[in-house]
């Protein structure tokens, strides 16, 4: 979880921009925490292979968190993160590693459906 501290790099901008952006940055960090917790909950209910992929998604999430929270420009938070909707999820979904995981899962699902159909189950 992100907690501002004196060791954090300070934001750049006017005094009022920095104050505004620091509040936004806390909300952004909380949203990253919320999404991470949701993925952890899902991972706890998955098969080993799916869980490994979900843990990879969590690693992607942490990378995106570091990039986002580490941005020092106050204007970035004011412009891009003032309204936190599903931006965190979209950062993950746009990542090529996530796209590869998604394709792999779809292929496994298709193979399972084909196998079940051939065996007369589906």
PDB file of N, CA and C in Angstrom:
ATOM      1  N   UNK A   1       0.844  -1.177   0.000  1.00  0.00           N
ATOM      2  CA  UNK A   1       0.000   0.000   0.000  1.00  0.00           C
ATOM      3  C   UNK A   1       0.883   1.230   0.000  1.00  0.00           C
ATOM      4  N   UNK A   2       0.495   2.234  -0.742  1.00  0.00           N
ATOM      5  CA  UNK A   2       1.272   3.456  -0.857  1.00  0.00           C
ATOM      6  C   UNK A   2       0.943   4.399   0.288  1.00  0.00           C
ATOM      7  N   UNK A   3       1.951   4.872   0.938  1.00  0.00           N
ATOM      8  CA  UNK A   3       1.768   5.900   1.956  1.00  0.00           C
ATOM      9  C   UNK A   3       2.829   6.957   1.737  1.00  0.00           C
ATOM     10  N   UNK A   4       2.424   8.197   1.503  1.00  0.00           N
ATOM     11  CA  UNK A   4       3.420   9.240   1.280  1.00  0.00           C
ATOM     12  C   UNK A   4       4.379   9.338   2.462  1.00  0.00           C
ATOM     13  N   UNK A   5       5.625   9.553   2.169  1.00  0.00           N
ATOM     14  CA  UNK A   5       6.615   9.723   3.229  1.00  0.00           C
ATOM     15  C   UNK A   5       7.661  10.717   2.775  1.00  0.00           C
ATOM     16  N   UNK A   6       8.500  11.104   3.667  1.00  0.00           N
ATOM     17  CA  UNK A   6       9.521  12.091   3.341  1.00  0.00           C
ATOM     18  C   UNK A   6      10.540  11.539   2.354  1.00  0.00           C
ATOM     19  N   UNK A   7      10.602  10.214   2.202  1.00  0.00           N
ATOM     20  CA  UNK A   7      11.552   9.630   1.264  1.00  0.00           C
ATOM     21  C   UNK A   7      11.018   9.616  -0.169  1.00  0.00           C
ATOM     22  N   UNK A   8       9.695   9.878  -0.334  1.00  0.00           N
ATOM     23  CA  UNK A   8       9.125   9.921  -1.676  1.00  0.00           C
ATOM     24  C   UNK A   8       9.677  11.119  -2.423  1.00  0.00           C
ATOM     25  N   UNK A   9       9.834  10.955  -3.728  1.00  0.00           N
ATOM     26  CA  UNK A   9      10.236  12.089  -4.533  1.00  0.00           C
ATOM     27  C   UNK A   9       9.078  13.065  -4.582  1.00  0.00           C
ATOM     28  N   UNK A  10       9.389  14.332  -4.421  1.00  0.00           N
ATOM     29  CA  UNK A  10       8.338  15.324  -4.429  1.00  0.00           C
ATOM     30  C   UNK A  10       7.863  15.567  -5.853  1.00  0.00           C
ATOM     31  N   UNK A  11       6.651  16.007  -5.947  1.00  0.00           N
ATOM     32  CA  UNK A  11       6.064  16.317  -7.238  1.00  0.00           C
ATOM     33  C   UNK A  11       6.555  17.672  -7.716  1.00  0.00           C
ATOM     34  N   UNK A  12       6.513  17.852  -9.016  1.00  0.00           N
ATOM     35  CA  UNK A  12       6.886  19.143  -9.587  1.00  0.00           C
ATOM     36  C   UNK A  12       5.633  19.844 -10.086  1.00  0.00           C
ATOM     37  N   UNK A  13       5.603  21.133  -9.943  1.00  0.00           N
ATOM     38  CA  UNK A  13       4.477  21.961 -10.353  1.00  0.00           C
ATOM     39  C   UNK A  13       4.350  23.113  -9.395  1.00  0.00           C
ATOM     40  N   UNK A  14       3.289  23.869  -9.555  1.00  0.00           N
ATOM     41  CA  UNK A  14       3.057  24.965  -8.623  1.00  0.00           C
ATOM     42  C   UNK A  14       2.650  24.377  -7.272  1.00  0.00           C
ATOM     43  N   UNK A  15       2.703  25.197  -6.261  1.00  0.00           N
ATOM     44  CA  UNK A  15       2.351  24.732  -4.919  1.00  0.00           C
ATOM     45  C   UNK A  15       0.928  24.168  -4.884  1.00  0.00           C
ATOM     46  N   UNK A  16      -0.011  24.859  -5.512  1.00  0.00           N
ATOM     47  CA  UNK A  16      -1.396  24.379  -5.493  1.00  0.00           C
ATOM     48  C   UNK A  16      -1.555  23.111  -6.328  1.00  0.00           C
ATOM     49  N   UNK A  17      -0.837  23.008  -7.448  1.00  0.00           N
ATOM     50  CA  UNK A  17      -0.883  21.782  -8.257  1.00  0.00           C
ATOM     51  C   UNK A  17      -0.351  20.597  -7.456  1.00  0.00           C
ATOM     52  N   UNK A  18       0.755  20.808  -6.771  1.00  0.00           N
ATOM     53  CA  UNK A  18       1.363  19.739  -5.982  1.00  0.00           C
ATOM     54  C   UNK A  18       0.416  19.277  -4.885  1.00  0.00           C
ATOM     55  N   UNK A  19      -0.212  20.213  -4.196  1.00  0.00           N
ATOM     56  CA  UNK A  19      -1.155  19.855  -3.138  1.00  0.00           C
ATOM     57  C   UNK A  19      -2.322  19.036  -3.708  1.00  0.00           C
ATOM     58  N   UNK A  20      -2.851  19.470  -4.814  1.00  0.00           N
ATOM     59  CA  UNK A  20      -3.967  18.790  -5.473  1.00  0.00           C
ATOM     60  C   UNK A  20      -3.543  17.398  -5.945  1.00  0.00           C
ATOM     61  N   UNK A  21      -2.390  17.339  -6.600  1.00  0.00           N
ATOM     62  CA  UNK A  21      -1.894  16.071  -7.142  1.00  0.00           C
ATOM     63  C   UNK A  21      -1.556  15.073  -6.045  1.00  0.00           C
ATOM     64  N   UNK A  22      -1.078  15.530  -4.912  1.00  0.00           N
ATOM     65  CA  UNK A  22      -0.774  14.612  -3.813  1.00  0.00           C
ATOM     66  C   UNK A  22      -2.044  13.932  -3.308  1.00  0.00           C
ATOM     67  N   UNK A  23      -3.135  14.673  -3.247  1.00  0.00           N
ATOM     68  CA  UNK A  23      -4.415  14.067  -2.849  1.00  0.00           C
ATOM     69  C   UNK A  23      -4.867  13.043  -3.889  1.00  0.00           C
ATOM     70  N   UNK A  24      -4.728  13.395  -5.133  1.00  0.00           N
ATOM     71  CA  UNK A  24      -5.108  12.479  -6.218  1.00  0.00           C
ATOM     72  C   UNK A  24      -4.247  11.230  -6.160  1.00  0.00           C
ATOM     73  N   UNK A  25      -2.953  11.411  -5.942  1.00  0.00           N
ATOM     74  CA  UNK A  25      -2.019  10.276  -5.932  1.00  0.00           C
ATOM     75  C   UNK A  25      -2.371   9.275  -4.831  1.00  0.00           C
ATOM     76  N   UNK A  26      -2.832   9.750  -3.705  1.00  0.00           N
ATOM     77  CA  UNK A  26      -3.266   8.851  -2.632  1.00  0.00           C
ATOM     78  C   UNK A  26      -4.466   8.029  -3.109  1.00  0.00           C
ATOM     79  N   UNK A  27      -5.420   8.676  -3.771  1.00  0.00           N
ATOM     80  CA  UNK A  27      -6.589   7.955  -4.296  1.00  0.00           C
ATOM     81  C   UNK A  27      -6.180   6.926  -5.354  1.00  0.00           C
ATOM     82  N   UNK A  28      -5.234   7.296  -6.179  1.00  0.00           N
ATOM     83  CA  UNK A  28      -4.742   6.376  -7.208  1.00  0.00           C
ATOM     84  C   UNK A  28      -4.099   5.159  -6.554  1.00  0.00           C
ATOM     85  N   UNK A  29      -3.296   5.385  -5.547  1.00  0.00           N
ATOM     86  CA  UNK A  29      -2.648   4.279  -4.833  1.00  0.00           C
ATOM     87  C   UNK A  29      -3.687   3.361  -4.206  1.00  0.00           C
ATOM     88  N   UNK A  30      -4.737   3.938  -3.662  1.00  0.00           N
ATOM     89  CA  UNK A  30      -5.810   3.132  -3.074  1.00  0.00           C
ATOM     90  C   UNK A  30      -6.515   2.299  -4.146  1.00  0.00           C
ATOM     91  N   UNK A  31      -6.667   2.849  -5.327  1.00  0.00           N
ATOM     92  CA  UNK A  31      -7.299   2.095  -6.418  1.00  0.00           C
ATOM     93  C   UNK A  31      -6.403   0.936  -6.847  1.00  0.00           C
ATOM     94  N   UNK A  32      -5.099   1.162  -6.916  1.00  0.00           N
ATOM     95  CA  UNK A  32      -4.174   0.063  -7.221  1.00  0.00           C
ATOM     96  C   UNK A  32      -4.305  -1.030  -6.157  1.00  0.00           C
ATOM     97  N   UNK A  33      -4.408  -0.638  -4.895  1.00  0.00           N
ATOM     98  CA  UNK A  33      -4.582  -1.609  -3.815  1.00  0.00           C
ATOM     99  C   UNK A  33      -5.871  -2.399  -3.992  1.00  0.00           C
ATOM    100  N   UNK A  34      -6.955  -1.719  -4.326  1.00  0.00           N
ATOM    101  CA  UNK A  34      -8.251  -2.375  -4.495  1.00  0.00           C
ATOM    102  C   UNK A  34      -8.196  -3.416  -5.613  1.00  0.00           C
ATOM    103  N   UNK A  35      -7.609  -3.038  -6.745  1.00  0.00           N
ATOM    104  CA  UNK A  35      -7.509  -3.963  -7.877  1.00  0.00           C
ATOM    105  C   UNK A  35      -6.597  -5.141  -7.521  1.00  0.00           C
ATOM    106  N   UNK A  36      -5.486  -4.865  -6.862  1.00  0.00           N
ATOM    107  CA  UNK A  36      -4.569  -5.940  -6.462  1.00  0.00           C
ATOM    108  C   UNK A  36      -5.268  -6.917  -5.525  1.00  0.00           C
ATOM    109  N   UNK A  37      -6.030  -6.406  -4.583  1.00  0.00           N
ATOM    110  CA  UNK A  37      -6.750  -7.284  -3.657  1.00  0.00           C
ATOM    111  C   UNK A  37      -7.772  -8.147  -4.384  1.00  0.00           C
ATOM    112  N   UNK A  38      -8.427  -7.587  -5.384  1.00  0.00           N
ATOM    113  CA  UNK A  38      -9.393  -8.367  -6.163  1.00  0.00           C
ATOM    114  C   UNK A  38      -8.680  -9.505  -6.904  1.00  0.00           C
ATOM    115  N   UNK A  39      -7.535  -9.217  -7.508  1.00  0.00           N
ATOM    116  CA  UNK A  39      -6.781 -10.269  -8.201  1.00  0.00           C
ATOM    117  C   UNK A  39      -6.282 -11.329  -7.215  1.00  0.00           C
ATOM    118  N   UNK A  40      -5.851 -10.909  -6.030  1.00  0.00           N
ATOM    119  CA  UNK A  40      -5.394 -11.878  -5.029  1.00  0.00           C
ATOM    120  C   UNK A  40      -6.534 -12.798  -4.596  1.00  0.00           C
ATOM    121  N   UNK A  41      -7.707 -12.238  -4.436  1.00  0.00           N
ATOM    122  CA  UNK A  41      -8.871 -13.043  -4.064  1.00  0.00           C
ATOM    123  C   UNK A  41      -9.168 -14.077  -5.140  1.00  0.00           C
ATOM    124  N   UNK A  42      -9.140 -13.663  -6.385  1.00  0.00           N
ATOM    125  CA  UNK A  42      -9.375 -14.584  -7.506  1.00  0.00           C
ATOM    126  C   UNK A  42      -8.294 -15.661  -7.528  1.00  0.00           C
ATOM    127  N   UNK A  43      -7.042 -15.273  -7.353  1.00  0.00           N
ATOM    128  CA  UNK A  43      -5.927 -16.228  -7.400  1.00  0.00           C
ATOM    129  C   UNK A  43      -6.091 -17.336  -6.372  1.00  0.00           C
ATOM    130  N   UNK A  44      -6.646 -16.998  -5.229  1.00  0.00           N
ATOM    131  CA  UNK A  44      -6.826 -17.978  -4.171  1.00  0.00           C
ATOM    132  C   UNK A  44      -7.826 -19.070  -4.503  1.00  0.00           C
ATOM    133  N   UNK A  45      -8.610 -18.861  -5.551  1.00  0.00           N
ATOM    134  CA  UNK A  45      -9.651 -19.823  -5.935  1.00  0.00           C
ATOM    135  C   UNK A  45      -9.342 -20.528  -7.251  1.00  0.00           C
ATOM    136  N   UNK A  46      -8.146 -20.338  -7.785  1.00  0.00           N
ATOM    137  CA  UNK A  46      -7.827 -20.852  -9.113  1.00  0.00           C
ATOM    138  C   UNK A  46      -6.981 -22.119  -9.076  1.00  0.00           C
ATOM    139  N   UNK A  47      -6.957 -22.776 -10.249  1.00  0.00           N
ATOM    140  CA  UNK A  47      -6.053 -23.904 -10.438  1.00  0.00           C
ATOM    141  C   UNK A  47      -4.626 -23.369 -10.462  1.00  0.00           C
ATOM    142  N   UNK A  48      -3.665 -24.261 -10.372  1.00  0.00           N
ATOM    143  CA  UNK A  48      -2.257 -23.844 -10.315  1.00  0.00           C
ATOM    144  C   UNK A  48      -1.857 -23.012 -11.526  1.00  0.00           C
ATOM    145  N   UNK A  49      -2.222 -23.450 -12.716  1.00  0.00           N
ATOM    146  CA  UNK A  49      -1.817 -22.720 -13.933  1.00  0.00           C
ATOM    147  C   UNK A  49      -2.470 -21.341 -13.986  1.00  0.00           C
ATOM    148  N   UNK A  50      -3.772 -21.285 -13.721  1.00  0.00           N
ATOM    149  CA  UNK A  50      -4.455 -19.992 -13.730  1.00  0.00           C
ATOM    150  C   UNK A  50      -3.915 -19.075 -12.638  1.00  0.00           C
ATOM    151  N   UNK A  51      -3.629 -19.647 -11.473  1.00  0.00           N
ATOM    152  CA  UNK A  51      -3.084 -18.856 -10.365  1.00  0.00           C
ATOM    153  C   UNK A  51      -1.724 -18.273 -10.753  1.00  0.00           C
ATOM    154  N   UNK A  52      -0.891 -19.061 -11.406  1.00  0.00           N
ATOM    155  CA  UNK A  52       0.425 -18.560 -11.837  1.00  0.00           C
ATOM    156  C   UNK A  52       0.258 -17.383 -12.800  1.00  0.00           C
ATOM    157  N   UNK A  53      -0.717 -17.493 -13.684  1.00  0.00           N
ATOM    158  CA  UNK A  53      -0.961 -16.393 -14.620  1.00  0.00           C
ATOM    159  C   UNK A  53      -1.497 -15.162 -13.887  1.00  0.00           C
ATOM    160  N   UNK A  54      -2.353 -15.373 -12.924  1.00  0.00           N
ATOM    161  CA  UNK A  54      -2.886 -14.251 -12.156  1.00  0.00           C
ATOM    162  C   UNK A  54      -1.780 -13.586 -11.345  1.00  0.00           C
ATOM    163  N   UNK A  55      -0.846 -14.368 -10.834  1.00  0.00           N
ATOM    164  CA  UNK A  55       0.294 -13.777 -10.124  1.00  0.00           C
ATOM    165  C   UNK A  55       1.156 -12.957 -11.076  1.00  0.00           C
ATOM    166  N   UNK A  56       1.246 -13.377 -12.326  1.00  0.00           N
ATOM    167  CA  UNK A  56       1.947 -12.581 -13.334  1.00  0.00           C
ATOM    168  C   UNK A  56       1.209 -11.266 -13.558  1.00  0.00           C
ATOM    169  N   UNK A  57      -0.116 -11.326 -13.603  1.00  0.00           N
ATOM    170  CA  UNK A  57      -0.911 -10.106 -13.748  1.00  0.00           C
ATOM    171  C   UNK A  57      -0.658  -9.183 -12.553  1.00  0.00           C
ATOM    172  N   UNK A  58      -0.552  -9.735 -11.371  1.00  0.00           N
ATOM    173  CA  UNK A  58      -0.243  -8.925 -10.189  1.00  0.00           C
ATOM    174  C   UNK A  58       1.128  -8.264 -10.313  1.00  0.00           C
ATOM    175  N   UNK A  59       2.090  -8.967 -10.882  1.00  0.00           N
ATOM    176  CA  UNK A  59       3.418  -8.377 -11.099  1.00  0.00           C
ATOM    177  C   UNK A  59       3.323  -7.220 -12.101  1.00  0.00           C
ATOM    178  N   UNK A  60       2.516  -7.392 -13.142  1.00  0.00           N
ATOM    179  CA  UNK A  60       2.289  -6.315 -14.110  1.00  0.00           C
ATOM    180  C   UNK A  60       1.660  -5.122 -13.392  1.00  0.00           C
ATOM    181  N   UNK A  61       0.685  -5.408 -12.549  1.00  0.00           N
ATOM    182  CA  UNK A  61       0.005  -4.361 -11.790  1.00  0.00           C
ATOM    183  C   UNK A  61       1.001  -3.576 -10.940  1.00  0.00           C
ATOM    184  N   UNK A  62       1.889  -4.283 -10.261  1.00  0.00           N
ATOM    185  CA  UNK A  62       2.868  -3.603  -9.407  1.00  0.00           C
ATOM    186  C   UNK A  62       3.839  -2.757 -10.232  1.00  0.00           C
ATOM    187  N   UNK A  63       4.167  -3.233 -11.416  1.00  0.00           N
ATOM    188  CA  UNK A  63       5.024  -2.452 -12.318  1.00  0.00           C
ATOM    189  C   UNK A  63       4.306  -1.168 -12.737  1.00  0.00           C
ATOM    190  N   UNK A  64       3.036  -1.295 -13.091  1.00  0.00           N
ATOM    191  CA  UNK A  64       2.243  -0.133 -13.501  1.00  0.00           C
ATOM    192  C   UNK A  64       2.058   0.827 -12.327  1.00  0.00           C
ATOM    193  N   UNK A  65       1.901   0.278 -11.128  1.00  0.00           N
ATOM    194  CA  UNK A  65       1.786   1.125  -9.931  1.00  0.00           C
ATOM    195  C   UNK A  65       3.065   1.952  -9.759  1.00  0.00           C
ATOM    196  N   UNK A  66       4.200   1.300  -9.855  1.00  0.00           N
ATOM    197  CA  UNK A  66       5.468   2.014  -9.670  1.00  0.00           C
ATOM    198  C   UNK A  66       5.640   3.112 -10.719  1.00  0.00           C
ATOM    199  N   UNK A  67       5.296   2.809 -11.957  1.00  0.00           N
ATOM    200  CA  UNK A  67       5.395   3.809 -13.027  1.00  0.00           C
ATOM    201  C   UNK A  67       4.471   4.988 -12.756  1.00  0.00           C
ATOM    202  N   UNK A  68       3.250   4.683 -12.355  1.00  0.00           N
ATOM    203  CA  UNK A  68       2.243   5.731 -12.154  1.00  0.00           C
ATOM    204  C   UNK A  68       2.555   6.572 -10.924  1.00  0.00           C
ATOM    205  N   UNK A  69       2.715   5.912  -9.790  1.00  0.00           N
ATOM    206  CA  UNK A  69       2.956   6.640  -8.543  1.00  0.00           C
ATOM    207  C   UNK A  69       4.307   7.348  -8.586  1.00  0.00           C
ATOM    208  N   UNK A  70       5.253   6.797  -9.320  1.00  0.00           N
ATOM    209  CA  UNK A  70       6.577   7.393  -9.417  1.00  0.00           C
ATOM    210  C   UNK A  70       6.654   8.612 -10.321  1.00  0.00           C
ATOM    211  N   UNK A  71       5.593   8.876 -11.069  1.00  0.00           N
ATOM    212  CA  UNK A  71       5.594  10.050 -11.936  1.00  0.00           C
ATOM    213  C   UNK A  71       5.627  11.290 -11.047  1.00  0.00           C
ATOM    214  N   UNK A  72       6.554  12.166 -11.327  1.00  0.00           N
ATOM    215  CA  UNK A  72       6.771  13.329 -10.459  1.00  0.00           C
ATOM    216  C   UNK A  72       6.020  14.577 -10.911  1.00  0.00           C
ATOM    217  N   UNK A  73       5.349  14.508 -12.041  1.00  0.00           N
ATOM    218  CA  UNK A  73       4.665  15.698 -12.553  1.00  0.00           C
ATOM    219  C   UNK A  73       3.260  15.819 -11.962  1.00  0.00           C
ATOM    220  N   UNK A  74       3.027  16.876 -11.227  1.00  0.00           N
ATOM    221  CA  UNK A  74       1.710  17.106 -10.637  1.00  0.00           C
ATOM    222  C   UNK A  74       0.645  17.147 -11.715  1.00  0.00           C
ATOM    223  N   UNK A  75       0.955  17.762 -12.834  1.00  0.00           N
ATOM    224  CA  UNK A  75      -0.003  17.876 -13.929  1.00  0.00           C
ATOM    225  C   UNK A  75      -0.460  16.528 -14.461  1.00  0.00           C
ATOM    226  N   UNK A  76       0.409  15.536 -14.407  1.00  0.00           N
ATOM    227  CA  UNK A  76       0.052  14.182 -14.856  1.00  0.00           C
ATOM    228  C   UNK A  76      -1.113  13.644 -14.033  1.00  0.00           C
ATOM    229  N   UNK A  77      -1.032  13.786 -12.723  1.00  0.00           N
ATOM    230  CA  UNK A  77      -2.106  13.291 -11.862  1.00  0.00           C
ATOM    231  C   UNK A  77      -3.378  14.109 -12.036  1.00  0.00           C
ATOM    232  N   UNK A  78      -3.232  15.411 -12.154  1.00  0.00           N
ATOM    233  CA  UNK A  78      -4.395  16.277 -12.315  1.00  0.00           C
ATOM    234  C   UNK A  78      -5.077  15.995 -13.656  1.00  0.00           C
ATOM    235  N   UNK A  79      -4.315  15.857 -14.702  1.00  0.00           N
ATOM    236  CA  UNK A  79      -4.856  15.647 -16.044  1.00  0.00           C
ATOM    237  C   UNK A  79      -5.374  14.222 -16.247  1.00  0.00           C
ATOM    238  N   UNK A  80      -4.588  13.220 -15.826  1.00  0.00           N
ATOM    239  CA  UNK A  80      -4.893  11.835 -16.191  1.00  0.00           C
ATOM    240  C   UNK A  80      -5.572  11.010 -15.107  1.00  0.00           C
ATOM    241  N   UNK A  81      -5.516  11.446 -13.868  1.00  0.00           N
ATOM    242  CA  UNK A  81      -6.008  10.595 -12.782  1.00  0.00           C
ATOM    243  C   UNK A  81      -7.020  11.276 -11.869  1.00  0.00           C
ATOM    244  N   UNK A  82      -7.486  12.441 -12.242  1.00  0.00           N
ATOM    245  CA  UNK A  82      -8.432  13.154 -11.390  1.00  0.00           C
ATOM    246  C   UNK A  82      -9.691  12.325 -11.163  1.00  0.00           C
ATOM    247  N   UNK A  83     -10.169  11.688 -12.194  1.00  0.00           N
ATOM    248  CA  UNK A  83     -11.329  10.795 -12.098  1.00  0.00           C
ATOM    249  C   UNK A  83     -10.824   9.366 -12.232  1.00  0.00           C
ATOM    250  N   UNK A  84     -10.736   8.656 -11.132  1.00  0.00           N
ATOM    251  CA  UNK A  84     -10.255   7.277 -11.167  1.00  0.00           C
ATOM    252  C   UNK A  84     -11.453   6.372 -11.430  1.00  0.00           C
ATOM    253  N   UNK A  85     -11.532   5.888 -12.648  1.00  0.00           N
ATOM    254  CA  UNK A  85     -12.606   4.963 -13.012  1.00  0.00           C
ATOM    255  C   UNK A  85     -12.012   3.565 -13.062  1.00  0.00           C
ATOM    256  N   UNK A  86     -11.893   3.018 -14.245  1.00  0.00           N
ATOM    257  CA  UNK A  86     -11.272   1.692 -14.369  1.00  0.00           C
ATOM    258  C   UNK A  86      -9.902   1.815 -15.020  1.00  0.00           C
ATOM    259  N   UNK A  87      -9.235   2.948 -14.771  1.00  0.00           N
ATOM    260  CA  UNK A  87      -7.940   3.209 -15.383  1.00  0.00           C
ATOM    261  C   UNK A  87      -6.880   2.180 -15.012  1.00  0.00           C
ATOM    262  N   UNK A  88      -6.892   1.727 -13.781  1.00  0.00           N
ATOM    263  CA  UNK A  88      -5.883   0.754 -13.347  1.00  0.00           C
ATOM    264  C   UNK A  88      -6.066  -0.537 -14.133  1.00  0.00           C
ATOM    265  N   UNK A  89      -7.301  -1.007 -14.221  1.00  0.00           N
ATOM    266  CA  UNK A  89      -7.569  -2.227 -14.996  1.00  0.00           C
ATOM    267  C   UNK A  89      -7.192  -2.033 -16.464  1.00  0.00           C
ATOM    268  N   UNK A  90      -7.477  -0.860 -17.008  1.00  0.00           N
ATOM    269  CA  UNK A  90      -7.150  -0.605 -18.412  1.00  0.00           C
ATOM    270  C   UNK A  90      -5.638  -0.619 -18.642  1.00  0.00           C
ATOM    271  N   UNK A  91      -4.868  -0.121 -17.681  1.00  0.00           N
ATOM    272  CA  UNK A  91      -3.401  -0.192 -17.805  1.00  0.00           C
ATOM    273  C   UNK A  91      -2.951  -1.648 -17.941  1.00  0.00           C
ATOM    274  N   UNK A  92      -3.556  -2.508 -17.143  1.00  0.00           N
ATOM    275  CA  UNK A  92      -3.200  -3.930 -17.187  1.00  0.00           C
ATOM    276  C   UNK A  92      -3.653  -4.541 -18.506  1.00  0.00           C
ATOM    277  N   UNK A  93      -4.906  -4.290 -18.878  1.00  0.00           N
ATOM    278  CA  UNK A  93      -5.483  -4.910 -20.067  1.00  0.00           C
ATOM    279  C   UNK A  93      -4.744  -4.528 -21.343  1.00  0.00           C
ATOM    280  N   UNK A  94      -4.153  -3.356 -21.378  1.00  0.00           N
ATOM    281  CA  UNK A  94      -3.418  -2.906 -22.570  1.00  0.00           C
ATOM    282  C   UNK A  94      -2.005  -3.484 -22.648  1.00  0.00           C
ATOM    283  N   UNK A  95      -1.536  -4.069 -21.577  1.00  0.00           N
ATOM    284  CA  UNK A  95      -0.175  -4.610 -21.529  1.00  0.00           C
ATOM    285  C   UNK A  95      -0.080  -5.877 -22.386  1.00  0.00           C
ATOM    286  N   UNK A  96       0.962  -5.984 -23.178  1.00  0.00           N
ATOM    287  CA  UNK A  96       1.119  -7.133 -24.085  1.00  0.00           C
ATOM    288  C   UNK A  96       1.247  -8.452 -23.328  1.00  0.00           C
ATOM    289  N   UNK A  97       1.822  -8.421 -22.134  1.00  0.00           N
ATOM    290  CA  UNK A  97       1.924  -9.649 -21.345  1.00  0.00           C
ATOM    291  C   UNK A  97       0.553 -10.130 -20.894  1.00  0.00           C
ATOM    292  N   UNK A  98      -0.297  -9.197 -20.539  1.00  0.00           N
ATOM    293  CA  UNK A  98      -1.664  -9.563 -20.165  1.00  0.00           C
ATOM    294  C   UNK A  98      -2.403 -10.129 -21.376  1.00  0.00           C
ATOM    295  N   UNK A  99      -2.215  -9.503 -22.529  1.00  0.00           N
ATOM    296  CA  UNK A  99      -2.861  -9.977 -23.753  1.00  0.00           C
ATOM    297  C   UNK A  99      -2.437 -11.408 -24.067  1.00  0.00           C
ATOM    298  N   UNK A 100      -1.172 -11.738 -23.833  1.00  0.00           N
ATOM    299  CA  UNK A 100      -0.683 -13.107 -24.059  1.00  0.00           C
ATOM    300  C   UNK A 100      -1.354 -14.084 -23.089  1.00  0.00           C
ATOM    301  N   UNK A 101      -1.506 -13.686 -21.845  1.00  0.00           N
ATOM    302  CA  UNK A 101      -2.182 -14.536 -20.853  1.00  0.00           C
ATOM    303  C   UNK A 101      -3.630 -14.750 -21.267  1.00  0.00           C
ATOM    304  N   UNK A 102      -4.276 -13.686 -21.668  1.00  0.00           N
ATOM    305  CA  UNK A 102      -5.676 -13.776 -22.088  1.00  0.00           C
ATOM    306  C   UNK A 102      -5.824 -14.722 -23.275  1.00  0.00           C
ATOM    307  N   UNK A 103      -4.917 -14.633 -24.242  1.00  0.00           N
ATOM    308  CA  UNK A 103      -4.967 -15.517 -25.416  1.00  0.00           C
ATOM    309  C   UNK A 103      -4.725 -16.966 -25.012  1.00  0.00           C
ATOM    310  N   UNK A 104      -3.801 -17.181 -24.096  1.00  0.00           N
ATOM    311  CA  UNK A 104      -3.508 -18.526 -23.625  1.00  0.00           C
ATOM    312  C   UNK A 104      -4.721 -19.143 -22.926  1.00  0.00           C
ATOM    313  N   UNK A 105      -5.375 -18.361 -22.109  1.00  0.00           N
ATOM    314  CA  UNK A 105      -6.570 -18.849 -21.411  1.00  0.00           C
ATOM    315  C   UNK A 105      -7.691 -19.162 -22.397  1.00  0.00           C
ATOM    316  N   UNK A 106      -7.858 -18.317 -23.397  1.00  0.00           N
ATOM    317  CA  UNK A 106      -8.901 -18.557 -24.405  1.00  0.00           C
ATOM    318  C   UNK A 106      -8.614 -19.840 -25.175  1.00  0.00           C
ATOM    319  N   UNK A 107      -7.351 -20.058 -25.516  1.00  0.00           N
ATOM    320  CA  UNK A 107      -6.976 -21.278 -26.247  1.00  0.00           C
ATOM    321  C   UNK A 107      -7.240 -22.514 -25.395  1.00  0.00           C
ATOM    322  N   UNK A 108      -6.897 -22.453 -24.116  1.00  0.00           N
ATOM    323  CA  UNK A 108      -7.167 -23.593 -23.227  1.00  0.00           C
ATOM    324  C   UNK A 108      -8.662 -23.867 -23.121  1.00  0.00           C
ATOM    325  N   UNK A 109      -9.432 -22.811 -23.027  1.00  0.00           N
ATOM    326  CA  UNK A 109     -10.884 -22.959 -22.937  1.00  0.00           C
ATOM    327  C   UNK A 109     -11.443 -23.577 -24.219  1.00  0.00           C
ATOM    328  N   UNK A 110     -10.969 -23.101 -25.372  1.00  0.00           N
ATOM    329  CA  UNK A 110     -11.411 -23.658 -26.655  1.00  0.00           C
ATOM    330  C   UNK A 110     -11.052 -25.135 -26.762  1.00  0.00           C
ATOM    331  N   UNK A 111      -9.835 -25.468 -26.333  1.00  0.00           N
ATOM    332  CA  UNK A 111      -9.402 -26.878 -26.385  1.00  0.00           C
ATOM    333  C   UNK A 111     -10.263 -27.751 -25.484  1.00  0.00           C
ATOM    334  N   UNK A 112     -10.614 -27.243 -24.330  1.00  0.00           N
ATOM    335  CA  UNK A 112     -11.447 -27.998 -23.396  1.00  0.00           C
ATOM    336  C   UNK A 112     -12.842 -28.210 -23.987  1.00  0.00           C
ATOM    337  N   UNK A 113     -13.392 -27.190 -24.616  1.00  0.00           N
ATOM    338  CA  UNK A 113     -14.714 -27.305 -25.242  1.00  0.00           C
ATOM    339  C   UNK A 113     -14.675 -28.333 -26.363  1.00  0.00           C
ATOM    340  N   UNK A 114     -13.627 -28.257 -27.202  1.00  0.00           N
ATOM    341  CA  UNK A 114     -13.498 -29.225 -28.305  1.00  0.00           C
ATOM    342  C   UNK A 114     -13.385 -30.648 -27.768  1.00  0.00           C
ATOM    343  N   UNK A 115     -12.589 -30.822 -26.735  1.00  0.00           N
ATOM    344  CA  UNK A 115     -12.396 -32.147 -26.151  1.00  0.00           C
ATOM    345  C   UNK A 115     -13.717 -32.684 -25.594  1.00  0.00           C
ATOM    346  N   UNK A 116     -14.435 -31.840 -24.872  1.00  0.00           N
ATOM    347  CA  UNK A 116     -15.715 -32.257 -24.306  1.00  0.00           C
ATOM    348  C   UNK A 116     -16.736 -32.566 -25.395  1.00  0.00           C
ATOM    349  N   UNK A 117     -16.734 -31.800 -26.462  1.00  0.00           N
ATOM    350  CA  UNK A 117     -17.650 -32.046 -27.576  1.00  0.00           C
ATOM    351  C   UNK A 117     -17.340 -33.377 -28.241  1.00  0.00           C
ATOM    352  N   UNK A 118     -16.055 -33.631 -28.435  1.00  0.00           N
ATOM    353  CA  UNK A 118     -15.648 -34.889 -29.075  1.00  0.00           C
ATOM    354  C   UNK A 118     -15.994 -36.089 -28.208  1.00  0.00           C
ATOM    355  N   UNK A 119     -15.975 -35.897 -26.900  1.00  0.00           N
ATOM    356  CA  UNK A 119     -16.281 -36.996 -25.983  1.00  0.00           C
ATOM    357  C   UNK A 119     -17.791 -37.078 -25.709  1.00  0.00           C
ATOM    358  N   UNK A 120     -18.552 -36.177 -26.320  1.00  0.00           N
ATOM    359  CA  UNK A 120     -19.996 -36.203 -26.150  1.00  0.00           C
ATOM    360  C   UNK A 120     -20.459 -35.578 -24.862  1.00  0.00           C
ATOM    361  N   UNK A 121     -19.577 -34.820 -24.186  1.00  0.00           N
ATOM    362  CA  UNK A 121     -19.942 -34.196 -22.915  1.00  0.00           C
ATOM    363  C   UNK A 121     -20.615 -32.856 -23.167  1.00  0.00           C
ATOM    364  N   UNK A 122     -20.076 -32.095 -24.131  1.00  0.00           N
ATOM    365  CA  UNK A 122     -20.558 -30.729 -24.372  1.00  0.00           C
ATOM    366  C   UNK A 122     -21.702 -30.728 -25.256  1.00  0.00           C
TER     367      UNK A 122
END
